[in-house]
PDB file of N, CA and C in Angstrom:
ATOM      1  N   MET A   1       0.839  -1.169   0.000  1.00  0.00           N
ATOM      2  CA  MET A   1       0.000   0.000   0.000  1.00  0.00           C
ATOM      3  C   MET A   1       0.891   1.243   0.000  1.00  0.00           C
ATOM      4  N   ILE A   2       0.543   2.231  -0.787  1.00  0.00           N
ATOM      5  CA  ILE A   2       1.303   3.468  -0.876  1.00  0.00           C
ATOM      6  C   ILE A   2       0.745   4.480   0.118  1.00  0.00           C
ATOM      7  N   GLU A   3       1.629   5.035   0.930  1.00  0.00           N
ATOM      8  CA  GLU A   3       1.235   6.044   1.911  1.00  0.00           C
ATOM      9  C   GLU A   3       1.041   7.380   1.199  1.00  0.00           C
ATOM     10  N   LYS A   4      -0.119   7.989   1.372  1.00  0.00           N
ATOM     11  CA  LYS A   4      -0.434   9.245   0.697  1.00  0.00           C
ATOM     12  C   LYS A   4      -0.330  10.460   1.610  1.00  0.00           C
ATOM     13  N   ARG A   5      -0.105  10.256   2.883  1.00  0.00           N
ATOM     14  CA  ARG A   5      -0.026  11.378   3.816  1.00  0.00           C
ATOM     15  C   ARG A   5       1.262  12.166   3.600  1.00  0.00           C
ATOM     16  N   ALA A   6       1.178  13.486   3.777  1.00  0.00           N
ATOM     17  CA  ALA A   6       2.346  14.346   3.625  1.00  0.00           C
ATOM     18  C   ALA A   6       3.292  14.231   4.816  1.00  0.00           C
ATOM     19  N   ALA A   7       2.765  13.907   5.991  1.00  0.00           N
ATOM     20  CA  ALA A   7       3.582  13.768   7.197  1.00  0.00           C
ATOM     21  C   ALA A   7       3.206  12.473   7.910  1.00  0.00           C
ATOM     22  N   GLN A   8       4.202  11.792   8.453  1.00  0.00           N
ATOM     23  CA  GLN A   8       3.961  10.525   9.139  1.00  0.00           C
ATOM     24  C   GLN A   8       3.143  10.747  10.400  1.00  0.00           C
ATOM     25  N   ARG A   9       2.170   9.872  10.630  1.00  0.00           N
ATOM     26  CA  ARG A   9       1.373   9.934  11.851  1.00  0.00           C
ATOM     27  C   ARG A   9       1.959   8.989  12.885  1.00  0.00           C
ATOM     28  N   TYR A  10       1.814   9.404  14.145  1.00  0.00           N
ATOM     29  CA  TYR A  10       2.316   8.625  15.273  1.00  0.00           C
ATOM     30  C   TYR A  10       1.155   8.248  16.170  1.00  0.00           C
ATOM     31  N   ARG A  11       1.142   7.000  16.618  1.00  0.00           N
ATOM     32  CA  ARG A  11       0.082   6.549  17.521  1.00  0.00           C
ATOM     33  C   ARG A  11       0.229   7.235  18.864  1.00  0.00           C
ATOM     34  N   VAL A  12      -0.898   7.708  19.372  1.00  0.00           N
ATOM     35  CA  VAL A  12      -0.946   8.318  20.701  1.00  0.00           C
ATOM     36  C   VAL A  12      -2.244   7.881  21.368  1.00  0.00           C
ATOM     37  N   PHE A  13      -2.349   8.140  22.633  1.00  0.00           N
ATOM     38  CA  PHE A  13      -3.576   7.874  23.379  1.00  0.00           C
ATOM     39  C   PHE A  13      -3.711   8.996  24.394  1.00  0.00           C
ATOM     40  N   LYS A  14      -4.323  10.101  23.953  1.00  0.00           N
ATOM     41  CA  LYS A  14      -4.401  11.297  24.774  1.00  0.00           C
ATOM     42  C   LYS A  14      -5.828  11.798  24.848  1.00  0.00           C
ATOM     43  N   GLY A  15      -6.184  12.326  26.002  1.00  0.00           N
ATOM     44  CA  GLY A  15      -7.489  12.949  26.150  1.00  0.00           C
ATOM     45  C   GLY A  15      -7.477  14.327  25.519  1.00  0.00           C
ATOM     46  N   GLY A  16      -8.525  14.636  24.792  1.00  0.00           N
ATOM     47  CA  GLY A  16      -8.627  15.941  24.153  1.00  0.00           C
ATOM     48  C   GLY A  16     -10.042  16.472  24.246  1.00  0.00           C
ATOM     49  N   THR A  17     -10.216  17.678  23.748  1.00  0.00           N
ATOM     50  CA  THR A  17     -11.532  18.303  23.708  1.00  0.00           C
ATOM     51  C   THR A  17     -11.689  19.001  22.366  1.00  0.00           C
ATOM     52  N   ILE A  18     -12.825  18.772  21.717  1.00  0.00           N
ATOM     53  CA  ILE A  18     -13.135  19.560  20.532  1.00  0.00           C
ATOM     54  C   ILE A  18     -14.158  20.605  20.951  1.00  0.00           C
ATOM     55  N   THR A  19     -13.938  21.828  20.501  1.00  0.00           N
ATOM     56  CA  THR A  19     -14.823  22.918  20.893  1.00  0.00           C
ATOM     57  C   THR A  19     -15.346  23.659  19.673  1.00  0.00           C
ATOM     58  N   PHE A  20     -16.593  24.078  19.776  1.00  0.00           N
ATOM     59  CA  PHE A  20     -17.258  24.883  18.752  1.00  0.00           C
ATOM     60  C   PHE A  20     -18.518  25.463  19.367  1.00  0.00           C
ATOM     61  N   GLU A  21     -18.881  26.661  18.950  1.00  0.00           N
ATOM     62  CA  GLU A  21     -20.116  27.310  19.405  1.00  0.00           C
ATOM     63  C   GLU A  21     -20.326  27.199  20.914  1.00  0.00           C
ATOM     64  N   ASN A  22     -19.305  27.511  21.697  1.00  0.00           N
ATOM     65  CA  ASN A  22     -19.370  27.474  23.167  1.00  0.00           C
ATOM     66  C   ASN A  22     -19.684  26.097  23.731  1.00  0.00           C
ATOM     67  N   SER A  23     -19.398  25.028  22.970  1.00  0.00           N
ATOM     68  CA  SER A  23     -19.594  23.654  23.432  1.00  0.00           C
ATOM     69  C   SER A  23     -18.248  22.941  23.465  1.00  0.00           C
ATOM     70  N   GLY A  24     -18.097  22.026  24.395  1.00  0.00           N
ATOM     71  CA  GLY A  24     -16.903  21.204  24.464  1.00  0.00           C
ATOM     72  C   GLY A  24     -17.287  19.741  24.517  1.00  0.00           C
ATOM     73  N   ILE A  25     -16.627  18.930  23.700  1.00  0.00           N
ATOM     74  CA  ILE A  25     -16.905  17.495  23.654  1.00  0.00           C
ATOM     75  C   ILE A  25     -15.592  16.754  23.873  1.00  0.00           C
ATOM     76  N   ALA A  26     -15.578  15.862  24.857  1.00  0.00           N
ATOM     77  CA  ALA A  26     -14.381  15.072  25.134  1.00  0.00           C
ATOM     78  C   ALA A  26     -14.139  14.087  24.001  1.00  0.00           C
ATOM     79  N   CYS A  27     -12.858  13.872  23.702  1.00  0.00           N
ATOM     80  CA  CYS A  27     -12.481  12.899  22.672  1.00  0.00           C
ATOM     81  C   CYS A  27     -11.171  12.246  23.080  1.00  0.00           C
ATOM     82  N   THR A  28     -10.828  11.177  22.381  1.00  0.00           N
ATOM     83  CA  THR A  28      -9.544  10.522  22.561  1.00  0.00           C
ATOM     84  C   THR A  28      -8.773  10.690  21.267  1.00  0.00           C
ATOM     85  N   VAL A  29      -7.569  11.244  21.367  1.00  0.00           N
ATOM     86  CA  VAL A  29      -6.715  11.404  20.191  1.00  0.00           C
ATOM     87  C   VAL A  29      -5.966  10.098  20.015  1.00  0.00           C
ATOM     88  N   ARG A  30      -6.122   9.464  18.849  1.00  0.00           N
ATOM     89  CA  ARG A  30      -5.549   8.129  18.598  1.00  0.00           C
ATOM     90  C   ARG A  30      -4.253   8.172  17.805  1.00  0.00           C
ATOM     91  N   ASN A  31      -4.103   9.169  16.915  1.00  0.00           N
ATOM     92  CA  ASN A  31      -2.831   9.362  16.230  1.00  0.00           C
ATOM     93  C   ASN A  31      -2.719  10.808  15.795  1.00  0.00           C
ATOM     94  N   MET A  32      -1.470  11.246  15.581  1.00  0.00           N
ATOM     95  CA  MET A  32      -1.222  12.644  15.231  1.00  0.00           C
ATOM     96  C   MET A  32      -0.051  12.758  14.278  1.00  0.00           C
ATOM     97  N   SER A  33      -0.068  13.835  13.498  1.00  0.00           N
ATOM     98  CA  SER A  33       1.067  14.229  12.677  1.00  0.00           C
ATOM     99  C   SER A  33       1.144  15.744  12.712  1.00  0.00           C
ATOM    100  N   ALA A  34       2.069  16.318  11.985  1.00  0.00           N
ATOM    101  CA  ALA A  34       2.167  17.774  11.907  1.00  0.00           C
ATOM    102  C   ALA A  34       0.954  18.368  11.198  1.00  0.00           C
ATOM    103  N   ASN A  35       0.286  17.566  10.363  1.00  0.00           N
ATOM    104  CA  ASN A  35      -0.812  18.073   9.537  1.00  0.00           C
ATOM    105  C   ASN A  35      -2.207  17.685   9.999  1.00  0.00           C
ATOM    106  N   GLY A  36      -2.323  16.727  10.926  1.00  0.00           N
ATOM    107  CA  GLY A  36      -3.655  16.290  11.322  1.00  0.00           C
ATOM    108  C   GLY A  36      -3.627  15.255  12.425  1.00  0.00           C
ATOM    109  N   ALA A  37      -4.810  14.697  12.681  1.00  0.00           N
ATOM    110  CA  ALA A  37      -4.961  13.721  13.760  1.00  0.00           C
ATOM    111  C   ALA A  37      -6.185  12.859  13.484  1.00  0.00           C
ATOM    112  N   ALA A  38      -6.287  11.777  14.220  1.00  0.00           N
ATOM    113  CA  ALA A  38      -7.506  10.968  14.231  1.00  0.00           C
ATOM    114  C   ALA A  38      -8.005  10.957  15.664  1.00  0.00           C
ATOM    115  N   ILE A  39      -9.292  11.251  15.829  1.00  0.00           N
ATOM    116  CA  ILE A  39      -9.888  11.265  17.154  1.00  0.00           C
ATOM    117  C   ILE A  39     -11.018  10.257  17.220  1.00  0.00           C
ATOM    118  N   GLU A  40     -11.355   9.870  18.440  1.00  0.00           N
ATOM    119  CA  GLU A  40     -12.460   8.951  18.676  1.00  0.00           C
ATOM    120  C   GLU A  40     -13.407   9.602  19.679  1.00  0.00           C
ATOM    121  N   LEU A  41     -14.699   9.520  19.388  1.00  0.00           N
ATOM    122  CA  LEU A  41     -15.727  10.083  20.257  1.00  0.00           C
ATOM    123  C   LEU A  41     -16.514   8.961  20.919  1.00  0.00           C
ATOM    124  N   ASP A  42     -17.133   9.251  22.060  1.00  0.00           N
ATOM    125  CA  ASP A  42     -17.951   8.259  22.748  1.00  0.00           C
ATOM    126  C   ASP A  42     -19.285   8.036  22.046  1.00  0.00           C
ATOM    127  N   ALA A  43     -19.738   9.030  21.293  1.00  0.00           N
ATOM    128  CA  ALA A  43     -21.033   8.934  20.607  1.00  0.00           C
ATOM    129  C   ALA A  43     -20.945   9.673  19.283  1.00  0.00           C
ATOM    130  N   THR A  44     -21.866   9.399  18.402  1.00  0.00           N
ATOM    131  CA  THR A  44     -21.927  10.104  17.125  1.00  0.00           C
ATOM    132  C   THR A  44     -22.389  11.538  17.383  1.00  0.00           C
ATOM    133  N   VAL A  45     -21.641  12.495  16.856  1.00  0.00           N
ATOM    134  CA  VAL A  45     -21.921  13.908  17.079  1.00  0.00           C
ATOM    135  C   VAL A  45     -21.874  14.641  15.743  1.00  0.00           C
ATOM    136  N   ALA A  46     -22.819  15.521  15.507  1.00  0.00           N
ATOM    137  CA  ALA A  46     -22.779  16.378  14.326  1.00  0.00           C
ATOM    138  C   ALA A  46     -21.792  17.508  14.602  1.00  0.00           C
ATOM    139  N   LEU A  47     -20.848  17.711  13.703  1.00  0.00           N
ATOM    140  CA  LEU A  47     -19.826  18.730  13.877  1.00  0.00           C
ATOM    141  C   LEU A  47     -19.947  19.811  12.814  1.00  0.00           C
ATOM    142  N   PRO A  48     -19.561  21.038  13.143  1.00  0.00           N
ATOM    143  CA  PRO A  48     -19.545  22.089  12.132  1.00  0.00           C
ATOM    144  C   PRO A  48     -18.382  21.876  11.171  1.00  0.00           C
ATOM    145  N   GLN A  49     -18.286  22.708  10.168  1.00  0.00           N
ATOM    146  CA  GLN A  49     -17.233  22.560   9.162  1.00  0.00           C
ATOM    147  C   GLN A  49     -15.837  22.709   9.759  1.00  0.00           C
ATOM    148  N   SER A  50     -15.667  23.634  10.715  1.00  0.00           N
ATOM    149  CA  SER A  50     -14.383  23.767  11.391  1.00  0.00           C
ATOM    150  C   SER A  50     -14.610  23.909  12.898  1.00  0.00           C
ATOM    151  N   PHE A  51     -13.612  23.497  13.670  1.00  0.00           N
ATOM    152  CA  PHE A  51     -13.694  23.507  15.122  1.00  0.00           C
ATOM    153  C   PHE A  51     -12.278  23.475  15.668  1.00  0.00           C
ATOM    154  N   THR A  52     -12.132  23.460  16.984  1.00  0.00           N
ATOM    155  CA  THR A  52     -10.815  23.483  17.622  1.00  0.00           C
ATOM    156  C   THR A  52     -10.579  22.182  18.378  1.00  0.00           C
ATOM    157  N   LEU A  53      -9.375  21.634  18.245  1.00  0.00           N
ATOM    158  CA  LEU A  53      -8.938  20.479  19.023  1.00  0.00           C
ATOM    159  C   LEU A  53      -7.936  20.971  20.052  1.00  0.00           C
ATOM    160  N   ALA A  54      -8.155  20.637  21.320  1.00  0.00           N
ATOM    161  CA  ALA A  54      -7.233  20.999  22.394  1.00  0.00           C
ATOM    162  C   ALA A  54      -6.822  19.760  23.168  1.00  0.00           C
ATOM    163  N   ILE A  55      -5.532  19.671  23.485  1.00  0.00           N
ATOM    164  CA  ILE A  55      -5.001  18.620  24.357  1.00  0.00           C
ATOM    165  C   ILE A  55      -4.339  19.363  25.509  1.00  0.00           C
ATOM    166  N   ALA A  56      -5.038  19.466  26.629  1.00  0.00           N
ATOM    167  CA  ALA A  56      -4.616  20.313  27.748  1.00  0.00           C
ATOM    168  C   ALA A  56      -3.239  19.935  28.281  1.00  0.00           C
ATOM    169  N   ARG A  57      -2.962  18.655  28.442  1.00  0.00           N
ATOM    170  CA  ARG A  57      -1.694  18.260  29.072  1.00  0.00           C
ATOM    171  C   ARG A  57      -0.482  18.607  28.214  1.00  0.00           C
ATOM    172  N   ASP A  58      -0.696  18.830  26.906  1.00  0.00           N
ATOM    173  CA  ASP A  58       0.397  19.202  26.003  1.00  0.00           C
ATOM    174  C   ASP A  58       0.365  20.687  25.631  1.00  0.00           C
ATOM    175  N   ASN A  59      -0.565  21.450  26.198  1.00  0.00           N
ATOM    176  CA  ASN A  59      -0.763  22.851  25.802  1.00  0.00           C
ATOM    177  C   ASN A  59      -0.909  22.962  24.285  1.00  0.00           C
ATOM    178  N   PHE A  60      -1.675  22.053  23.697  1.00  0.00           N
ATOM    179  CA  PHE A  60      -1.845  21.954  22.254  1.00  0.00           C
ATOM    180  C   PHE A  60      -3.239  22.451  21.882  1.00  0.00           C
ATOM    181  N   VAL A  61      -3.315  23.415  20.978  1.00  0.00           N
ATOM    182  CA  VAL A  61      -4.597  23.922  20.479  1.00  0.00           C
ATOM    183  C   VAL A  61      -4.443  24.171  18.983  1.00  0.00           C
ATOM    184  N   ARG A  62      -5.325  23.572  18.172  1.00  0.00           N
ATOM    185  CA  ARG A  62      -5.282  23.767  16.725  1.00  0.00           C
ATOM    186  C   ARG A  62      -6.682  23.855  16.156  1.00  0.00           C
ATOM    187  N   LYS A  63      -6.873  24.749  15.219  1.00  0.00           N
ATOM    188  CA  LYS A  63      -8.106  24.783  14.437  1.00  0.00           C
ATOM    189  C   LYS A  63      -8.020  23.623  13.460  1.00  0.00           C
ATOM    190  N   CYS A  64      -9.151  22.984  13.175  1.00  0.00           N
ATOM    191  CA  CYS A  64      -9.133  21.831  12.281  1.00  0.00           C
ATOM    192  C   CYS A  64     -10.471  21.666  11.575  1.00  0.00           C
ATOM    193  N   ARG A  65     -10.467  20.745  10.630  1.00  0.00           N
ATOM    194  CA  ARG A  65     -11.682  20.370   9.903  1.00  0.00           C
ATOM    195  C   ARG A  65     -11.660  18.861   9.721  1.00  0.00           C
ATOM    196  N   ALA A  66     -12.839  18.274   9.638  1.00  0.00           N
ATOM    197  CA  ALA A  66     -12.941  16.824   9.424  1.00  0.00           C
ATOM    198  C   ALA A  66     -12.698  16.517   7.954  1.00  0.00           C
ATOM    199  N   VAL A  67     -11.875  15.498   7.678  1.00  0.00           N
ATOM    200  CA  VAL A  67     -11.628  15.086   6.300  1.00  0.00           C
ATOM    201  C   VAL A  67     -12.188  13.697   6.007  1.00  0.00           C
ATOM    202  N   TRP A  68     -12.413  12.900   7.022  1.00  0.00           N
ATOM    203  CA  TRP A  68     -13.106  11.621   6.864  1.00  0.00           C
ATOM    204  C   TRP A  68     -13.749  11.266   8.196  1.00  0.00           C
ATOM    205  N   ARG A  69     -14.693  10.340   8.106  1.00  0.00           N
ATOM    206  CA  ARG A  69     -15.413   9.946   9.315  1.00  0.00           C
ATOM    207  C   ARG A  69     -15.916   8.518   9.188  1.00  0.00           C
ATOM    208  N   SER A  70     -15.768   7.757  10.264  1.00  0.00           N
ATOM    209  CA  SER A  70     -16.424   6.464  10.382  1.00  0.00           C
ATOM    210  C   SER A  70     -17.414   6.611  11.528  1.00  0.00           C
ATOM    211  N   GLU A  71     -17.905   5.531  12.062  1.00  0.00           N
ATOM    212  CA  GLU A  71     -18.959   5.624  13.078  1.00  0.00           C
ATOM    213  C   GLU A  71     -18.596   6.558  14.228  1.00  0.00           C
ATOM    214  N   ARG A  72     -17.462   6.313  14.897  1.00  0.00           N
ATOM    215  CA  ARG A  72     -17.070   7.152  16.040  1.00  0.00           C
ATOM    216  C   ARG A  72     -15.678   7.754  15.880  1.00  0.00           C
ATOM    217  N   ARG A  73     -15.012   7.474  14.797  1.00  0.00           N
ATOM    218  CA  ARG A  73     -13.658   7.985  14.572  1.00  0.00           C
ATOM    219  C   ARG A  73     -13.689   9.039  13.473  1.00  0.00           C
ATOM    220  N   ILE A  74     -12.891  10.102  13.658  1.00  0.00           N
ATOM    221  CA  ILE A  74     -12.874  11.213  12.710  1.00  0.00           C
ATOM    222  C   ILE A  74     -11.425  11.570  12.396  1.00  0.00           C
ATOM    223  N   GLY A  75     -11.120  11.690  11.114  1.00  0.00           N
ATOM    224  CA  GLY A  75      -9.807  12.144  10.682  1.00  0.00           C
ATOM    225  C   GLY A  75      -9.834  13.657  10.523  1.00  0.00           C
ATOM    226  N   LEU A  76      -8.849  14.330  11.114  1.00  0.00           N
ATOM    227  CA  LEU A  76      -8.800  15.780  11.105  1.00  0.00           C
ATOM    228  C   LEU A  76      -7.611  16.291  10.316  1.00  0.00           C
ATOM    229  N   ALA A  77      -7.798  17.418   9.652  1.00  0.00           N
ATOM    230  CA  ALA A  77      -6.703  18.158   9.037  1.00  0.00           C
ATOM    231  C   ALA A  77      -6.588  19.468   9.800  1.00  0.00           C
ATOM    232  N   PHE A  78      -5.370  19.827  10.197  1.00  0.00           N
ATOM    233  CA  PHE A  78      -5.172  21.098  10.882  1.00  0.00           C
ATOM    234  C   PHE A  78      -5.225  22.214   9.852  1.00  0.00           C
ATOM    235  N   VAL A  79      -5.880  23.309  10.218  1.00  0.00           N
ATOM    236  CA  VAL A  79      -6.085  24.452   9.329  1.00  0.00           C
ATOM    237  C   VAL A  79      -5.145  25.564   9.765  1.00  0.00           C
ATOM    238  N   GLN A  80      -4.512  26.191   8.805  1.00  0.00           N
ATOM    239  CA  GLN A  80      -3.576  27.298   9.104  1.00  0.00           C
ATOM    240  C   GLN A  80      -4.315  28.557   9.399  1.00  0.00           C
TER     241      GLN A  80
END
């Protein structure tokens, strides 16, 4: 299989929060790269076109957008 990602992703297991419209939803970050991440949610949630991913323990905050989605897992691209 040919890898199409611009940056290598690394497996992680970190608690995060996605925020939009004054709402916060807990998520688990499953992998990350310089350009994006994959997160897992406890339930199916409708998300806006763009939102913020924060990982408090790493002081990490990035604006992002969903690029793919399965039942509870979402692939994110970080937005500049």
